[in-house]
Protein backbone atom coordinates (compact mmCIF):
# COMPACT_ATOMS: atom_id res chain seq x y z
CA MET A 1 -76.84 145.52 163.83
CA SER A 2 -79.94 144.24 162.07
CA THR A 3 -83.38 143.79 163.55
CA ARG A 4 -85.04 140.40 163.72
CA VAL A 5 -87.92 139.87 161.31
CA SER A 6 -90.80 137.58 162.25
CA TYR A 7 -93.07 136.43 159.44
CA PRO A 8 -96.75 135.64 159.95
CA TYR A 9 -97.86 132.02 160.18
CA GLU A 10 -99.50 132.17 156.73
CA ILE A 11 -96.26 133.26 155.05
CA ARG A 12 -94.27 130.54 156.81
CA MET A 13 -96.75 127.84 155.77
CA LYS A 14 -96.83 129.13 152.19
CA ALA A 15 -93.01 128.96 152.03
CA ILE A 16 -93.09 125.35 153.26
CA GLU A 17 -95.78 124.38 150.74
CA MET A 18 -93.86 126.02 147.89
CA ARG A 19 -90.61 124.24 148.78
CA LEU A 20 -92.38 120.87 149.08
CA ALA A 21 -93.90 121.49 145.64
CA GLY A 22 -90.37 121.81 144.23
CA ILE A 23 -90.30 125.56 143.71
CA SER A 24 -86.78 127.00 143.79
CA MET A 25 -85.53 128.78 146.88
CA LYS A 26 -84.90 131.97 144.90
CA GLN A 27 -88.46 132.03 143.60
CA VAL A 28 -89.90 131.45 147.11
CA LEU A 29 -87.79 134.31 148.49
CA ASN A 30 -88.86 136.66 145.69
CA GLU A 31 -92.57 135.82 145.76
CA LEU A 32 -92.94 136.01 149.53
CA ASN A 33 -90.55 138.95 149.96
CA ILE A 34 -88.31 137.08 152.41
CA ARG A 35 -84.89 138.63 152.87
CA HIS A 36 -82.55 135.74 153.61
CA ARG A 37 -82.46 132.12 152.51
CA THR A 38 -81.77 130.90 156.07
CA GLN A 39 -85.19 132.15 157.14
CA VAL A 40 -86.75 129.58 154.83
CA GLU A 41 -84.24 126.82 155.54
CA THR A 42 -84.96 127.04 159.26
């Protein structure tokens, strides 16, 4: 069973800004060290 990861507000806002700027999902995940794509999609 995995543990739930909560990202700081700054990381969440940066992910949103990057996606709105057209940056690929893979690049956002790599740059911000986010584990799963669904964490950004949500």
